[in-house]
Amino acid sequence: MSNFHSFSPNTISSSTGYYPTINLVSDDSLTELDIIIKDSNVAASGQTLDAADSTTWAPIDLSASTTVVTMKMRKLDTTTIITSNICTIVTPYTDGHVIMSWGLAGLAGLAGDYEGEIEVVYATGKILTVQDLLKFSIRADF
């Protein structure tokens, strides 16, 4: 059984600027994040755009053949990236749906508080960074 987390911009705490903390365990190898990347400036099909309601936002089109979505992670209150994981883009690619997995050694030896950001790099070289940060609390394994 893997950890599954789903996010909505409406759940970001205004006092911290983070989504609710994602609790993980060091050395787990089945942990993954299920993420849908949306554009808060474009209404989803059949919706009226409401900046305060992420269900009205259009998903980001990730269908270009060389589009790469990455989740970068660093220890809280530092600037050094400790891991940069490429996400799997889920079909249909126009739905903005990605899955990020740490894999067999991704959380090995980690413990403490971390933060991560999602970055989309298009074939043109243009970069879209999701401003909202993810926060992780990783406890040591027994």
Protein backbone atom coordinates (compact mmCIF):
# COMPACT_ATOMS: atom_id res chain seq x y z
CA MET A 1 0.00 0.00 0.00
CA SER A 2 1.46 3.35 -0.97
CA ASN A 3 0.96 6.76 0.54
CA PHE A 4 -1.48 8.71 -1.61
CA HIS A 5 -1.88 12.46 -1.35
CA SER A 6 -4.14 14.74 -3.37
CA PHE A 7 -3.93 18.52 -3.23
CA SER A 8 -6.22 21.47 -3.75
CA PRO A 9 -5.03 25.07 -3.68
CA ASN A 10 -8.04 25.79 -1.47
CA THR A 11 -6.33 23.86 1.35
CA ILE A 12 -3.23 26.07 1.53
CA SER A 13 -2.79 27.64 4.94
CA SER A 14 -2.59 31.42 4.63
CA SER A 15 -0.33 31.56 7.71
CA THR A 16 2.30 29.09 6.42
CA GLY A 17 1.87 29.18 2.63
CA TYR A 18 1.94 25.37 2.48
CA TYR A 19 -0.54 22.63 1.75
CA PRO A 20 -1.22 20.39 4.77
CA THR A 21 1.98 18.58 5.79
CA ILE A 22 2.57 15.25 4.08
CA ASN A 23 3.75 12.68 6.62
CA LEU A 24 6.22 10.08 5.35
CA VAL A 25 8.56 7.44 6.78
CA SER A 26 12.24 7.26 5.88
CA ASP A 27 13.25 4.25 3.79
CA ASP A 28 9.69 3.61 2.49
CA SER A 29 9.84 2.66 -1.19
CA LEU A 30 6.17 2.73 -2.25
CA THR A 31 5.45 6.38 -1.45
CA GLU A 32 4.02 8.44 -4.28
CA LEU A 33 2.19 11.71 -4.83
CA ASP A 34 -0.75 11.99 -7.20
CA ILE A 35 -0.93 15.57 -8.51
CA ILE A 36 -3.11 17.47 -10.97
CA ILE A 37 -1.52 20.71 -12.15
CA LYS A 38 -4.05 23.44 -12.97
CA ASP A 39 -3.97 26.99 -14.35
CA SER A 40 -5.72 29.44 -12.02
CA ASN A 41 -6.03 31.94 -14.92
CA VAL A 42 -8.04 29.70 -17.26
CA ALA A 43 -11.50 28.25 -16.67
CA ALA A 44 -12.01 24.51 -17.05
CA SER A 45 -14.36 23.40 -19.79
CA GLY A 46 -17.95 24.22 -18.82
CA GLN A 47 -16.87 26.23 -15.75
CA THR A 48 -16.89 29.91 -14.86
CA LEU A 49 -13.46 30.84 -13.55
CA ASP A 50 -13.36 31.50 -9.81
CA ALA A 51 -9.85 32.28 -8.50
CA ALA A 52 -10.87 31.00 -5.06
CA ASP A 53 -12.15 27.64 -6.34
CA SER A 54 -9.59 25.28 -7.92
CA THR A 55 -12.38 23.04 -9.25
CA THR A 56 -13.09 25.76 -11.84
CA TRP A 57 -9.49 25.93 -13.11
CA ALA A 58 -8.35 24.27 -16.34
CA PRO A 59 -5.74 21.51 -16.11
CA ILE A 60 -2.31 22.26 -17.63
CA ASP A 61 -1.71 20.53 -20.99
CA LEU A 62 1.33 18.26 -20.67
CA SER A 63 0.96 16.59 -24.07
CA ALA A 64 4.14 17.87 -25.77
CA SER A 65 6.36 14.83 -26.29
CA THR A 66 9.32 16.31 -24.42
CA THR A 67 7.48 17.95 -21.53
CA VAL A 68 9.14 17.04 -18.22
CA VAL A 69 7.55 17.53 -14.79
CA THR A 70 9.91 17.45 -11.82
CA MET A 71 9.43 17.67 -8.06
CA LYS A 72 12.43 19.29 -6.36
CA MET A 73 12.88 18.81 -2.63
CA ARG A 74 15.11 20.45 -0.03
CA LYS A 75 15.44 20.43 3.75
CA LEU A 76 13.30 23.16 5.30
CA ASP A 77 15.14 26.48 5.79
CA THR A 78 17.97 25.52 3.39
CA THR A 79 18.67 26.24 -0.28
CA THR A 80 20.33 22.98 -1.37
CA ILE A 81 18.16 20.68 -3.52
CA ILE A 82 18.61 17.15 -2.13
CA THR A 83 16.46 15.34 -4.68
CA SER A 84 14.90 16.09 -8.02
CA ASN A 85 12.37 13.45 -9.09
CA ILE A 86 10.89 13.26 -12.56
CA CYS A 87 7.14 12.65 -12.45
CA THR A 88 5.24 10.25 -14.67
CA ILE A 89 2.70 12.06 -16.84
CA VAL A 90 -0.62 10.20 -16.86
CA THR A 91 -2.82 9.91 -19.95
CA PRO A 92 -4.68 11.75 -21.24
CA TYR A 93 -1.81 14.24 -21.16
CA THR A 94 -4.17 17.20 -21.43
CA ASP A 95 -5.49 16.51 -17.89
CA GLY A 96 -2.38 17.88 -16.11
CA HIS A 97 -2.15 14.65 -14.09
CA VAL A 98 1.24 13.41 -12.85
CA ILE A 99 2.47 10.85 -10.34
CA MET A 100 5.69 11.41 -8.45
CA SER A 101 7.33 8.38 -6.88
CA TRP A 102 10.40 8.38 -4.67
CA GLY A 103 11.26 4.85 -5.78
CA LEU A 104 13.42 2.34 -3.93
CA ALA A 105 15.97 4.72 -2.39
CA GLY A 106 14.30 8.15 -2.64
CA LEU A 107 13.62 8.55 1.09
CA ALA A 108 16.57 6.48 2.31
CA GLY A 109 18.15 7.98 5.41
CA LEU A 110 15.99 11.10 5.38
CA ALA A 111 14.35 12.39 8.54
CA GLY A 112 13.11 15.87 9.38
CA ASP A 113 11.09 18.58 7.65
CA TYR A 114 11.38 19.25 3.92
CA GLU A 115 9.69 21.33 1.25
CA GLY A 116 9.16 20.66 -2.43
CA GLU A 117 8.10 22.45 -5.57
CA ILE A 118 6.75 21.25 -8.90
CA GLU A 119 8.39 22.44 -12.11
CA VAL A 120 7.21 21.88 -15.71
CA VAL A 121 9.78 22.21 -18.51
CA TYR A 122 8.41 22.37 -22.06
CA ALA A 123 10.11 21.38 -25.32
CA THR A 124 10.73 25.07 -26.04
CA GLY A 125 12.84 25.28 -22.87
CA LYS A 126 10.23 27.44 -21.15
CA ILE A 127 9.73 26.66 -17.47
CA LEU A 128 6.55 26.84 -15.39
CA THR A 129 7.10 26.54 -11.63
CA VAL A 130 4.07 25.94 -9.43
CA GLN A 131 4.31 28.63 -6.76
CA ASP A 132 2.57 26.62 -4.02
CA LEU A 133 5.00 24.60 -1.91
CA LEU A 134 4.53 21.09 -0.58
CA LYS A 135 5.73 20.40 2.97
CA PHE A 136 6.95 16.99 4.10
CA SER A 137 7.58 15.63 7.58
CA ILE A 138 9.69 12.49 7.37
CA ARG A 139 10.14 10.42 10.49
CA ALA A 140 12.98 7.93 10.91
CA ASP A 141 12.12 4.28 10.32
CA PHE A 142 12.10 1.91 13.35
